[in-house]
Amino acid sequence: MPFTVHAVDGSIVERYDQPVASRGMQYQAAELERLVRAGETAGTILPPSETVDIMAAMDEIRRQIGLSYDSDAA
Protein backbone atom coordinates (compact mmCIF):
# COMPACT_ATOMS: atom_id res chain seq x y z
CA MET A 1 0.00 0.00 0.00
CA PRO A 2 1.54 3.35 -0.98
CA PHE A 3 1.96 6.11 1.57
CA THR A 4 3.33 9.64 1.78
CA VAL A 5 5.49 11.22 4.49
CA HIS A 6 4.64 14.89 5.09
CA ALA A 7 6.73 17.51 6.89
CA VAL A 8 5.16 19.72 9.55
CA ASP A 9 4.64 22.46 6.92
CA GLY A 10 2.65 20.04 4.76
CA SER A 11 5.31 19.53 2.11
CA ILE A 12 5.93 16.00 0.88
CA VAL A 13 9.13 14.54 2.30
CA GLU A 14 8.90 11.17 0.60
CA ARG A 15 6.33 9.04 -1.19
CA TYR A 16 6.40 5.27 -1.28
CA ASP A 17 4.56 3.95 -4.32
CA GLN A 18 6.19 0.56 -4.64
CA PRO A 19 4.07 -2.48 -3.93
CA VAL A 20 5.76 -4.89 -1.56
CA ALA A 21 6.03 -7.88 -3.84
CA SER A 22 9.17 -9.21 -2.21
CA ARG A 23 10.59 -9.36 1.30
CA GLY A 24 10.56 -5.56 1.61
CA MET A 25 14.26 -5.15 0.95
CA GLN A 26 13.56 -2.59 -1.77
CA TYR A 27 13.21 -0.04 1.04
CA GLN A 28 16.72 -0.84 2.27
CA ALA A 29 18.01 -0.47 -1.28
CA ALA A 30 16.22 2.88 -1.68
CA GLU A 31 17.70 4.13 1.62
CA LEU A 32 21.18 3.05 0.56
CA GLU A 33 20.74 4.85 -2.75
CA ARG A 34 19.66 7.98 -0.87
CA LEU A 35 22.69 7.78 1.44
CA VAL A 36 25.11 7.35 -1.46
CA ARG A 37 23.57 10.28 -3.32
CA ALA A 38 23.86 12.43 -0.19
CA GLY A 39 27.49 11.41 0.39
CA GLU A 40 26.57 9.86 3.74
CA THR A 41 28.30 6.81 5.19
CA ALA A 42 25.57 5.76 7.63
CA GLY A 43 21.87 6.33 8.12
CA THR A 44 19.92 7.28 11.20
CA ILE A 45 16.98 4.89 10.74
CA LEU A 46 19.10 1.95 11.93
CA PRO A 47 22.58 3.18 12.85
CA PRO A 48 25.53 0.79 12.44
CA SER A 49 25.97 0.54 16.23
CA GLU A 50 22.42 -0.77 16.60
CA THR A 51 22.98 -3.27 13.80
CA VAL A 52 26.08 -4.56 15.63
CA ASP A 53 24.05 -4.88 18.86
CA ILE A 54 21.34 -6.84 17.02
CA MET A 55 23.91 -9.17 15.46
CA ALA A 56 25.52 -9.75 18.90
CA ALA A 57 22.11 -10.69 20.31
CA MET A 58 21.50 -13.06 17.39
CA ASP A 59 24.94 -14.64 17.91
CA GLU A 60 24.13 -15.16 21.59
CA ILE A 61 20.80 -16.78 20.73
CA ARG A 62 22.57 -19.09 18.27
CA ARG A 63 25.15 -19.95 20.94
CA GLN A 64 22.47 -20.74 23.51
CA ILE A 65 20.48 -22.99 21.20
CA GLY A 66 23.57 -24.67 19.77
CA LEU A 67 23.17 -23.45 16.20
CA SER A 68 26.37 -23.07 14.20
CA TYR A 69 27.32 -22.78 10.56
CA ASP A 70 30.34 -24.13 8.67
CA SER A 71 31.52 -20.55 8.18
CA ASP A 72 31.66 -20.03 11.98
CA ALA A 73 34.90 -22.04 12.15
CA ALA A 74 36.72 -19.57 9.92
PDB file of N, CA and C in Angstrom:
ATOM      1  N   MET A   1       0.841  -1.167   0.000  1.00  0.00           N
ATOM      2  CA  MET A   1       0.000   0.000   0.000  1.00  0.00           C
ATOM      3  C   MET A   1       0.896   1.244   0.000  1.00  0.00           C
ATOM      4  N   PRO A   2       0.709   2.147  -0.931  1.00  0.00           N
ATOM      5  CA  PRO A   2       1.537   3.349  -0.977  1.00  0.00           C
ATOM      6  C   PRO A   2       1.214   4.292   0.180  1.00  0.00           C
ATOM      7  N   PHE A   3       2.210   5.086   0.562  1.00  0.00           N
ATOM      8  CA  PHE A   3       1.963   6.107   1.570  1.00  0.00           C
ATOM      9  C   PHE A   3       2.906   7.279   1.344  1.00  0.00           C
ATOM     10  N   THR A   4       2.562   8.411   1.943  1.00  0.00           N
ATOM     11  CA  THR A   4       3.327   9.641   1.782  1.00  0.00           C
ATOM     12  C   THR A   4       3.735  10.160   3.155  1.00  0.00           C
ATOM     13  N   VAL A   5       4.991  10.608   3.262  1.00  0.00           N
ATOM     14  CA  VAL A   5       5.493  11.218   4.493  1.00  0.00           C
ATOM     15  C   VAL A   5       5.472  12.725   4.281  1.00  0.00           C
ATOM     16  N   HIS A   6       4.757  13.430   5.177  1.00  0.00           N
ATOM     17  CA  HIS A   6       4.642  14.885   5.087  1.00  0.00           C
ATOM     18  C   HIS A   6       5.435  15.555   6.194  1.00  0.00           C
ATOM     19  N   ALA A   7       6.053  16.681   5.883  1.00  0.00           N
ATOM     20  CA  ALA A   7       6.725  17.507   6.888  1.00  0.00           C
ATOM     21  C   ALA A   7       5.667  18.304   7.643  1.00  0.00           C
ATOM     22  N   VAL A   8       6.079  18.934   8.732  1.00  0.00           N
ATOM     23  CA  VAL A   8       5.157  19.723   9.546  1.00  0.00           C
ATOM     24  C   VAL A   8       4.482  20.810   8.715  1.00  0.00           C
ATOM     25  N   ASP A   9       5.208  21.380   7.750  1.00  0.00           N
ATOM     26  CA  ASP A   9       4.642  22.456   6.924  1.00  0.00           C
ATOM     27  C   ASP A   9       3.724  21.937   5.817  1.00  0.00           C
ATOM     28  N   GLY A  10       3.530  20.621   5.762  1.00  0.00           N
ATOM     29  CA  GLY A  10       2.647  20.036   4.763  1.00  0.00           C
ATOM     30  C   GLY A  10       3.332  19.597   3.489  1.00  0.00           C
ATOM     31  N   SER A  11       4.597  19.950   3.320  1.00  0.00           N
ATOM     32  CA  SER A  11       5.306  19.530   2.109  1.00  0.00           C
ATOM     33  C   SER A  11       5.569  18.023   2.154  1.00  0.00           C
ATOM     34  N   ILE A  12       5.686  17.440   0.980  1.00  0.00           N
ATOM     35  CA  ILE A  12       5.934  16.003   0.878  1.00  0.00           C
ATOM     36  C   ILE A  12       7.423  15.738   1.063  1.00  0.00           C
ATOM     37  N   VAL A  13       7.741  14.915   2.042  1.00  0.00           N
ATOM     38  CA  VAL A  13       9.126  14.538   2.303  1.00  0.00           C
ATOM     39  C   VAL A  13       9.501  13.364   1.414  1.00  0.00           C
ATOM     40  N   GLU A  14       8.623  12.372   1.380  1.00  0.00           N
ATOM     41  CA  GLU A  14       8.897  11.174   0.599  1.00  0.00           C
ATOM     42  C   GLU A  14       7.576  10.475   0.300  1.00  0.00           C
ATOM     43  N   ARG A  15       7.526   9.813  -0.838  1.00  0.00           N
ATOM     44  CA  ARG A  15       6.331   9.040  -1.191  1.00  0.00           C
ATOM     45  C   ARG A  15       6.770   7.638  -1.566  1.00  0.00           C
ATOM     46  N   TYR A  16       6.115   6.662  -0.991  1.00  0.00           N
ATOM     47  CA  TYR A  16       6.401   5.268  -1.279  1.00  0.00           C
ATOM     48  C   TYR A  16       5.264   4.724  -2.128  1.00  0.00           C
ATOM     49  N   ASP A  17       5.568   4.441  -3.391  1.00  0.00           N
ATOM     50  CA  ASP A  17       4.558   3.945  -4.323  1.00  0.00           C
ATOM     51  C   ASP A  17       4.734   2.469  -4.630  1.00  0.00           C
ATOM     52  N   GLN A  18       5.870   1.920  -4.248  1.00  0.00           N
ATOM     53  CA  GLN A  18       6.195   0.559  -4.645  1.00  0.00           C
ATOM     54  C   GLN A  18       5.335  -0.452  -3.901  1.00  0.00           C
ATOM     55  N   PRO A  19       4.756  -1.388  -4.621  1.00  0.00           N
ATOM     56  CA  PRO A  19       4.074  -2.476  -3.926  1.00  0.00           C
ATOM     57  C   PRO A  19       5.123  -3.402  -3.304  1.00  0.00           C
ATOM     58  N   VAL A  20       4.821  -3.982  -2.202  1.00  0.00           N
ATOM     59  CA  VAL A  20       5.756  -4.894  -1.560  1.00  0.00           C
ATOM     60  C   VAL A  20       5.496  -6.296  -2.108  1.00  0.00           C
ATOM     61  N   ALA A  21       6.188  -6.588  -3.189  1.00  0.00           N
ATOM     62  CA  ALA A  21       6.026  -7.884  -3.843  1.00  0.00           C
ATOM     63  C   ALA A  21       7.131  -8.847  -3.435  1.00  0.00           C
ATOM     64  N   SER A  22       8.057  -8.364  -2.627  1.00  0.00           N
ATOM     65  CA  SER A  22       9.170  -9.213  -2.206  1.00  0.00           C
ATOM     66  C   SER A  22       9.236  -9.206  -0.686  1.00  0.00           C
ATOM     67  N   ARG A  23      10.428  -9.318  -0.149  1.00  0.00           N
ATOM     68  CA  ARG A  23      10.592  -9.357   1.299  1.00  0.00           C
ATOM     69  C   ARG A  23      10.709  -7.957   1.892  1.00  0.00           C
ATOM     70  N   GLY A  24      10.488  -6.930   1.106  1.00  0.00           N
ATOM     71  CA  GLY A  24      10.559  -5.565   1.610  1.00  0.00           C
ATOM     72  C   GLY A  24      11.944  -4.956   1.555  1.00  0.00           C
ATOM     73  N   MET A  25      12.892  -5.665   0.965  1.00  0.00           N
ATOM     74  CA  MET A  25      14.263  -5.154   0.948  1.00  0.00           C
ATOM     75  C   MET A  25      14.445  -3.995  -0.022  1.00  0.00           C
ATOM     76  N   GLN A  26      13.441  -3.727  -0.848  1.00  0.00           N
ATOM     77  CA  GLN A  26      13.560  -2.595  -1.766  1.00  0.00           C
ATOM     78  C   GLN A  26      13.670  -1.283  -0.983  1.00  0.00           C
ATOM     79  N   TYR A  27      13.117  -1.249   0.237  1.00  0.00           N
ATOM     80  CA  TYR A  27      13.208  -0.036   1.040  1.00  0.00           C
ATOM     81  C   TYR A  27      14.634   0.162   1.552  1.00  0.00           C
ATOM     82  N   GLN A  28      15.311  -0.937   1.877  1.00  0.00           N
ATOM     83  CA  GLN A  28      16.718  -0.844   2.271  1.00  0.00           C
ATOM     84  C   GLN A  28      17.558  -0.364   1.090  1.00  0.00           C
ATOM     85  N   ALA A  29      17.271  -0.891  -0.091  1.00  0.00           N
ATOM     86  CA  ALA A  29      18.014  -0.473  -1.283  1.00  0.00           C
ATOM     87  C   ALA A  29      17.771   1.008  -1.575  1.00  0.00           C
ATOM     88  N   ALA A  30      16.534   1.461  -1.434  1.00  0.00           N
ATOM     89  CA  ALA A  30      16.223   2.879  -1.677  1.00  0.00           C
ATOM     90  C   ALA A  30      16.930   3.768  -0.663  1.00  0.00           C
ATOM     91  N   GLU A  31      16.996   3.341   0.595  1.00  0.00           N
ATOM     92  CA  GLU A  31      17.695   4.134   1.619  1.00  0.00           C
ATOM     93  C   GLU A  31      19.184   4.182   1.330  1.00  0.00           C
ATOM     94  N   LEU A  32      19.770   3.061   0.915  1.00  0.00           N
ATOM     95  CA  LEU A  32      21.183   3.053   0.562  1.00  0.00           C
ATOM     96  C   LEU A  32      21.449   3.990  -0.608  1.00  0.00           C
ATOM     97  N   GLU A  33      20.592   3.950  -1.600  1.00  0.00           N
ATOM     98  CA  GLU A  33      20.736   4.846  -2.755  1.00  0.00           C
ATOM     99  C   GLU A  33      20.687   6.305  -2.298  1.00  0.00           C
ATOM    100  N   ARG A  34      19.771   6.621  -1.388  1.00  0.00           N
ATOM    101  CA  ARG A  34      19.661   7.981  -0.870  1.00  0.00           C
ATOM    102  C   ARG A  34      20.934   8.389  -0.130  1.00  0.00           C
ATOM    103  N   LEU A  35      21.469   7.491   0.695  1.00  0.00           N
ATOM    104  CA  LEU A  35      22.690   7.778   1.443  1.00  0.00           C
ATOM    105  C   LEU A  35      23.870   8.033   0.513  1.00  0.00           C
ATOM    106  N   VAL A  36      24.010   7.190  -0.507  1.00  0.00           N
ATOM    107  CA  VAL A  36      25.114   7.350  -1.459  1.00  0.00           C
ATOM    108  C   VAL A  36      24.993   8.691  -2.180  1.00  0.00           C
ATOM    109  N   ARG A  37      23.777   9.005  -2.641  1.00  0.00           N
ATOM    110  CA  ARG A  37      23.566  10.280  -3.324  1.00  0.00           C
ATOM    111  C   ARG A  37      23.913  11.466  -2.432  1.00  0.00           C
ATOM    112  N   ALA A  38      23.616  11.340  -1.135  1.00  0.00           N
ATOM    113  CA  ALA A  38      23.860  12.434  -0.191  1.00  0.00           C
ATOM    114  C   ALA A  38      25.298  12.448   0.323  1.00  0.00           C
ATOM    115  N   GLY A  39      26.100  11.460  -0.079  1.00  0.00           N
ATOM    116  CA  GLY A  39      27.486  11.406   0.385  1.00  0.00           C
ATOM    117  C   GLY A  39      27.600  10.966   1.838  1.00  0.00           C
ATOM    118  N   GLU A  40      26.575  10.311   2.343  1.00  0.00           N
ATOM    119  CA  GLU A  40      26.570   9.858   3.740  1.00  0.00           C
ATOM    120  C   GLU A  40      27.165   8.454   3.836  1.00  0.00           C
ATOM    121  N   THR A  41      27.727   8.136   4.985  1.00  0.00           N
ATOM    122  CA  THR A  41      28.301   6.806   5.191  1.00  0.00           C
ATOM    123  C   THR A  41      27.444   5.934   6.094  1.00  0.00           C
ATOM    124  N   ALA A  42      26.453   6.526   6.757  1.00  0.00           N
ATOM    125  CA  ALA A  42      25.568   5.761   7.634  1.00  0.00           C
ATOM    126  C   ALA A  42      24.247   6.489   7.763  1.00  0.00           C
ATOM    127  N   GLY A  43      23.189   5.736   7.950  1.00  0.00           N
ATOM    128  CA  GLY A  43      21.873   6.326   8.120  1.00  0.00           C
ATOM    129  C   GLY A  43      21.520   6.478   9.588  1.00  0.00           C
ATOM    130  N   THR A  44      20.388   7.095   9.835  1.00  0.00           N
ATOM    131  CA  THR A  44      19.917   7.281  11.201  1.00  0.00           C
ATOM    132  C   THR A  44      18.733   6.379  11.523  1.00  0.00           C
ATOM    133  N   ILE A  45      18.122   5.772  10.509  1.00  0.00           N
ATOM    134  CA  ILE A  45      16.977   4.893  10.737  1.00  0.00           C
ATOM    135  C   ILE A  45      17.423   3.690  11.569  1.00  0.00           C
ATOM    136  N   LEU A  46      18.508   3.065  11.180  1.00  0.00           N
ATOM    137  CA  LEU A  46      19.097   1.950  11.925  1.00  0.00           C
ATOM    138  C   LEU A  46      20.608   2.160  11.883  1.00  0.00           C
ATOM    139  N   PRO A  47      21.150   2.880  12.863  1.00  0.00           N
ATOM    140  CA  PRO A  47      22.582   3.182  12.846  1.00  0.00           C
ATOM    141  C   PRO A  47      23.437   1.919  12.939  1.00  0.00           C
ATOM    142  N   PRO A  48      24.660   1.971  12.412  1.00  0.00           N
ATOM    143  CA  PRO A  48      25.534   0.793  12.444  1.00  0.00           C
ATOM    144  C   PRO A  48      25.706   0.216  13.846  1.00  0.00           C
ATOM    145  N   SER A  49      25.779   1.051  14.869  1.00  0.00           N
ATOM    146  CA  SER A  49      25.968   0.539  16.231  1.00  0.00           C
ATOM    147  C   SER A  49      24.793  -0.338  16.662  1.00  0.00           C
ATOM    148  N   GLU A  50      23.587   0.040  16.253  1.00  0.00           N
ATOM    149  CA  GLU A  50      22.415  -0.769  16.597  1.00  0.00           C
ATOM    150  C   GLU A  50      22.418  -2.089  15.832  1.00  0.00           C
ATOM    151  N   THR A  51      22.869  -2.050  14.596  1.00  0.00           N
ATOM    152  CA  THR A  51      22.983  -3.270  13.796  1.00  0.00           C
ATOM    153  C   THR A  51      23.962  -4.236  14.457  1.00  0.00           C
ATOM    154  N   VAL A  52      25.091  -3.719  14.944  1.00  0.00           N
ATOM    155  CA  VAL A  52      26.078  -4.555  15.628  1.00  0.00           C
ATOM    156  C   VAL A  52      25.470  -5.157  16.894  1.00  0.00           C
ATOM    157  N   ASP A  53      24.713  -4.375  17.651  1.00  0.00           N
ATOM    158  CA  ASP A  53      24.046  -4.884  18.857  1.00  0.00           C
ATOM    159  C   ASP A  53      23.057  -6.003  18.520  1.00  0.00           C
ATOM    160  N   ILE A  54      22.300  -5.821  17.442  1.00  0.00           N
ATOM    161  CA  ILE A  54      21.339  -6.841  17.019  1.00  0.00           C
ATOM    162  C   ILE A  54      22.064  -8.124  16.635  1.00  0.00           C
ATOM    163  N   MET A  55      23.146  -7.987  15.872  1.00  0.00           N
ATOM    164  CA  MET A  55      23.907  -9.170  15.462  1.00  0.00           C
ATOM    165  C   MET A  55      24.511  -9.881  16.671  1.00  0.00           C
ATOM    166  N   ALA A  56      24.978  -9.131  17.681  1.00  0.00           N
ATOM    167  CA  ALA A  56      25.519  -9.753  18.896  1.00  0.00           C
ATOM    168  C   ALA A  56      24.427 -10.532  19.614  1.00  0.00           C
ATOM    169  N   ALA A  57      23.225  -9.982  19.681  1.00  0.00           N
ATOM    170  CA  ALA A  57      22.107 -10.690  20.311  1.00  0.00           C
ATOM    171  C   ALA A  57      21.781 -11.957  19.539  1.00  0.00           C
ATOM    172  N   MET A  58      21.788 -11.877  18.213  1.00  0.00           N
ATOM    173  CA  MET A  58      21.501 -13.060  17.391  1.00  0.00           C
ATOM    174  C   MET A  58      22.587 -14.121  17.569  1.00  0.00           C
ATOM    175  N   ASP A  59      23.849 -13.688  17.657  1.00  0.00           N
ATOM    176  CA  ASP A  59      24.943 -14.636  17.906  1.00  0.00           C
ATOM    177  C   ASP A  59      24.767 -15.328  19.250  1.00  0.00           C
ATOM    178  N   GLU A  60      24.341 -14.570  20.268  1.00  0.00           N
ATOM    179  CA  GLU A  60      24.130 -15.160  21.594  1.00  0.00           C
ATOM    180  C   GLU A  60      22.974 -16.160  21.571  1.00  0.00           C
ATOM    181  N   ILE A  61      21.918 -15.838  20.856  1.00  0.00           N
ATOM    182  CA  ILE A  61      20.799 -16.781  20.726  1.00  0.00           C
ATOM    183  C   ILE A  61      21.280 -18.058  20.044  1.00  0.00           C
ATOM    184  N   ARG A  62      22.040 -17.906  18.970  1.00  0.00           N
ATOM    185  CA  ARG A  62      22.574 -19.090  18.268  1.00  0.00           C
ATOM    186  C   ARG A  62      23.449 -19.916  19.200  1.00  0.00           C
ATOM    187  N   ARG A  63      24.284 -19.240  20.008  1.00  0.00           N
ATOM    188  CA  ARG A  63      25.152 -19.952  20.940  1.00  0.00           C
ATOM    189  C   ARG A  63      24.312 -20.737  21.944  1.00  0.00           C
ATOM    190  N   GLN A  64      23.286 -20.096  22.486  1.00  0.00           N
ATOM    191  CA  GLN A  64      22.471 -20.737  23.514  1.00  0.00           C
ATOM    192  C   GLN A  64      21.665 -21.921  22.993  1.00  0.00           C
ATOM    193  N   ILE A  65      21.269 -21.875  21.738  1.00  0.00           N
ATOM    194  CA  ILE A  65      20.475 -22.990  21.202  1.00  0.00           C
ATOM    195  C   ILE A  65      21.348 -24.003  20.452  1.00  0.00           C
ATOM    196  N   GLY A  66      22.648 -23.723  20.391  1.00  0.00           N
ATOM    197  CA  GLY A  66      23.574 -24.670  19.766  1.00  0.00           C
ATOM    198  C   GLY A  66      23.578 -24.661  18.254  1.00  0.00           C
ATOM    199  N   LEU A  67      23.183 -23.557  17.661  1.00  0.00           N
ATOM    200  CA  LEU A  67      23.169 -23.454  16.200  1.00  0.00           C
ATOM    201  C   LEU A  67      24.494 -22.881  15.717  1.00  0.00           C
ATOM    202  N   SER A  68      25.137 -23.588  14.794  1.00  0.00           N
ATOM    203  CA  SER A  68      26.366 -23.073  14.195  1.00  0.00           C
ATOM    204  C   SER A  68      26.372 -23.372  12.703  1.00  0.00           C
ATOM    205  N   TYR A  69      27.185 -22.631  11.997  1.00  0.00           N
ATOM    206  CA  TYR A  69      27.317 -22.779  10.555  1.00  0.00           C
ATOM    207  C   TYR A  69      28.764 -23.149  10.235  1.00  0.00           C
ATOM    208  N   ASP A  70      28.987 -23.776   9.084  1.00  0.00           N
ATOM    209  CA  ASP A  70      30.340 -24.134   8.665  1.00  0.00           C
ATOM    210  C   ASP A  70      31.258 -22.912   8.658  1.00  0.00           C
ATOM    211  N   SER A  71      30.724 -21.766   8.266  1.00  0.00           N
ATOM    212  CA  SER A  71      31.525 -20.551   8.179  1.00  0.00           C
ATOM    213  C   SER A  71      31.937 -20.013   9.558  1.00  0.00           C
ATOM    214  N   ASP A  72      31.300 -20.483  10.638  1.00  0.00           N
ATOM    215  CA  ASP A  72      31.658 -20.029  11.979  1.00  0.00           C
ATOM    216  C   ASP A  72      33.060 -20.443  12.373  1.00  0.00           C
ATOM    217  N   ALA A  73      33.556 -21.528  11.797  1.00  0.00           N
ATOM    218  CA  ALA A  73      34.895 -22.040  12.155  1.00  0.00           C
ATOM    219  C   ALA A  73      35.998 -21.166  11.577  1.00  0.00           C
ATOM    220  N   ALA A  74      35.684 -20.368  10.587  1.00  0.00           N
ATOM    221  CA  ALA A  74      36.721 -19.566   9.915  1.00  0.00           C
ATOM    222  C   ALA A  74      37.222 -18.425  10.771  1.00  0.00           C
TER     223      ALA A  74
END
